[in-house]
C-alpha atoms as a PDB file:
ATOM      1  CA  MET A   1       0.000   0.000   0.000  1.00  0.00           C
ATOM      2  CA  MET A   2       2.794   2.405   0.881  1.00  0.00           C
ATOM      3  CA  ARG A   3       4.488   1.723  -2.462  1.00  0.00           C
ATOM      4  CA  VAL A   4       1.287   2.614  -4.331  1.00  0.00           C
ATOM      5  CA  VAL A   5       0.981   5.934  -2.482  1.00  0.00           C
ATOM      6  CA  LEU A   6       4.665   6.715  -3.021  1.00  0.00           C
ATOM      7  CA  SER A   7       4.440   5.834  -6.715  1.00  0.00           C
ATOM      8  CA  ALA A   8       1.371   8.045  -7.140  1.00  0.00           C
ATOM      9  CA  LEU A   9       3.115  10.931  -5.390  1.00  0.00           C
ATOM     10  CA  ILE A  10       6.178  10.592  -7.620  1.00  0.00           C
ATOM     11  CA  LEU A  11       3.984  10.455 -10.711  1.00  0.00           C
ATOM     12  CA  VAL A  12       2.122  13.627  -9.702  1.00  0.00           C
ATOM     13  CA  CYS A  13       5.376  15.475  -9.072  1.00  0.00           C
ATOM     14  CA  CYS A  14       6.800  14.431 -12.430  1.00  0.00           C
ATOM     15  CA  VAL A  15       3.682  15.425 -14.350  1.00  0.00           C
ATOM     16  CA  GLN A  16       3.313  18.836 -12.687  1.00  0.00           C
ATOM     17  CA  GLY A  17       6.997  19.662 -12.664  1.00  0.00           C
ATOM     18  CA  VAL A  18       9.086  21.039  -9.891  1.00  0.00           C
ATOM     19  CA  PRO A  19       7.834  24.332  -8.435  1.00  0.00           C
ATOM     20  CA  GLY A  20       9.976  27.250  -9.537  1.00  0.00           C
ATOM     21  CA  GLN A  21      11.604  25.293 -12.341  1.00  0.00           C
ATOM     22  CA  ASP A  22      11.733  27.851 -15.163  1.00  0.00           C
ATOM     23  CA  GLN A  23       8.029  28.574 -14.990  1.00  0.00           C
ATOM     24  CA  ARG A  24       8.525  32.298 -15.243  1.00  0.00           C
ATOM     25  CA  GLY A  25       5.590  34.325 -16.323  1.00  0.00           C
ATOM     26  CA  LYS A  26       5.381  37.688 -17.987  1.00  0.00           C
ATOM     27  CA  GLY A  27       5.804  39.452 -14.637  1.00  0.00           C
ATOM     28  CA  SER A  28       9.340  38.226 -14.097  1.00  0.00           C
ATOM     29  CA  GLU A  29      10.306  39.113 -17.671  1.00  0.00           C
ATOM     30  CA  ASP A  30       9.040  42.643 -17.040  1.00  0.00           C
ATOM     31  CA  THR A  31      11.030  42.768 -13.808  1.00  0.00           C
ATOM     32  CA  THR A  32      14.209  41.688 -15.557  1.00  0.00           C
ATOM     33  CA  ARG A  33      13.626  44.221 -18.319  1.00  0.00           C
ATOM     34  CA  SER A  34      13.034  47.067 -15.859  1.00  0.00           C
ATOM     35  CA  GLU A  35      16.127  46.103 -13.865  1.00  0.00           C
ATOM     36  CA  GLY A  36      18.139  46.360 -17.087  1.00  0.00           C
ATOM     37  CA  GLN A  37      16.608  49.749 -17.819  1.00  0.00           C
ATOM     38  CA  VAL A  38      17.577  51.055 -14.376  1.00  0.00           C
ATOM     39  CA  ARG A  39      21.082  49.697 -14.716  1.00  0.00           C
ATOM     40  CA  SER A  40      21.594  51.253 -18.148  1.00  0.00           C
ATOM     41  CA  ALA A  41      20.016  54.568 -17.147  1.00  0.00           C
ATOM     42  CA  CYS A  42      21.965  54.789 -13.894  1.00  0.00           C
ATOM     43  CA  GLN A  43      25.290  53.257 -14.949  1.00  0.00           C
ATOM     44  CA  PRO A  44      27.282  56.499 -14.461  1.00  0.00           C
ATOM     45  CA  GLU A  45      25.806  56.918 -10.965  1.00  0.00           C
ATOM     46  CA  ILE A  46      26.423  53.258 -10.122  1.00  0.00           C
ATOM     47  CA  GLU A  47      30.071  53.603 -11.105  1.00  0.00           C
ATOM     48  CA  LYS A  48      30.523  56.952  -9.346  1.00  0.00           C
ATOM     49  CA  LEU A  49      28.449  56.505  -6.195  1.00  0.00           C
ATOM     50  CA  CYS A  50      28.270  52.748  -5.710  1.00  0.00           C
ATOM     51  CA  GLY A  51      31.722  51.560  -6.671  1.00  0.00           C
ATOM     52  CA  GLY A  52      32.201  47.913  -5.850  1.00  0.00           C
ATOM     53  CA  GLN A  53      28.517  47.340  -5.079  1.00  0.00           C
ATOM     54  CA  GLU A  54      27.250  46.125  -8.452  1.00  0.00           C
ATOM     55  CA  ARG A  55      25.016  43.498  -6.853  1.00  0.00           C
ATOM     56  CA  ARG A  56      23.408  46.056  -4.543  1.00  0.00           C
ATOM     57  CA  ALA A  57      23.224  48.979  -6.916  1.00  0.00           C
ATOM     58  CA  GLY A  58      19.486  49.578  -6.380  1.00  0.00           C
ATOM     59  CA  ARG A  59      19.910  49.769  -2.617  1.00  0.00           C
ATOM     60  CA  CYS A  60      22.927  52.045  -3.022  1.00  0.00           C
ATOM     61  CA  LEU A  61      21.100  54.389  -5.398  1.00  0.00           C
ATOM     62  CA  ARG A  62      18.093  54.627  -3.085  1.00  0.00           C
ATOM     63  CA  SER A  63      20.381  55.665  -0.236  1.00  0.00           C
ATOM     64  CA  GLN A  64      21.843  58.571  -2.238  1.00  0.00           C
ATOM     65  CA  ASN A  65      20.674  62.165  -2.189  1.00  0.00           C
ATOM     66  CA  PRO A  66      18.257  62.448  -5.143  1.00  0.00           C
ATOM     67  CA  ASP A  67      20.107  65.583  -6.262  1.00  0.00           C
ATOM     68  CA  ALA A  68      23.154  63.383  -6.968  1.00  0.00           C
ATOM     69  CA  LEU A  69      21.197  61.376  -9.569  1.00  0.00           C
ATOM     70  CA  SER A  70      20.551  62.345 -13.167  1.00  0.00           C
ATOM     71  CA  GLU A  71      16.981  62.902 -14.336  1.00  0.00           C
ATOM     72  CA  ARG A  72      17.246  59.806 -16.517  1.00  0.00           C
ATOM     73  CA  CYS A  73      18.258  57.708 -13.515  1.00  0.00           C
ATOM     74  CA  LYS A  74      15.538  59.190 -11.280  1.00  0.00           C
ATOM     75  CA  THR A  75      12.907  58.441 -13.932  1.00  0.00           C
ATOM     76  CA  ALA A  76      14.116  54.852 -14.326  1.00  0.00           C
ATOM     77  CA  LEU A  77      14.037  54.338 -10.545  1.00  0.00           C
ATOM     78  CA  GLU A  78      10.543  55.826 -10.297  1.00  0.00           C
ATOM     79  CA  ASN A  79       9.298  53.598 -13.130  1.00  0.00           C
ATOM     80  CA  ARG A  80      10.780  50.590 -11.324  1.00  0.00           C
ATOM     81  CA  GLY A  81       9.212  51.684  -8.041  1.00  0.00           C
ATOM     82  CA  LEU A  82      12.520  52.133  -6.262  1.00  0.00           C
ATOM     83  CA  GLN A  83      12.471  55.864  -5.580  1.00  0.00           C
END
C-alpha cells in the first residue's frame, strides 16, 4: 500500500513539474527588463556613487541624495518603483 501511495506521489510530481523550475511568467520578464533599464540609465551613478557594489546597486542608489542622480536615472528608478 505504501508503495502505491509513493508511486502516485512521484507520478504527480513528475507530471506537474518542480515548483519554480523555469516557470517564469510575464511578470518576471518585465522585472528583468526594468532592472536592465535602471542599470543602463543609472550606470554612471552606479560607477561613481556605488563603486564595488554592483550586486546592490538599487539599494545604493536609493540611499543617495536624489540631487546626486541624473533625471534619466531618477525616472528609471521611479518607473521601477525604487524611488
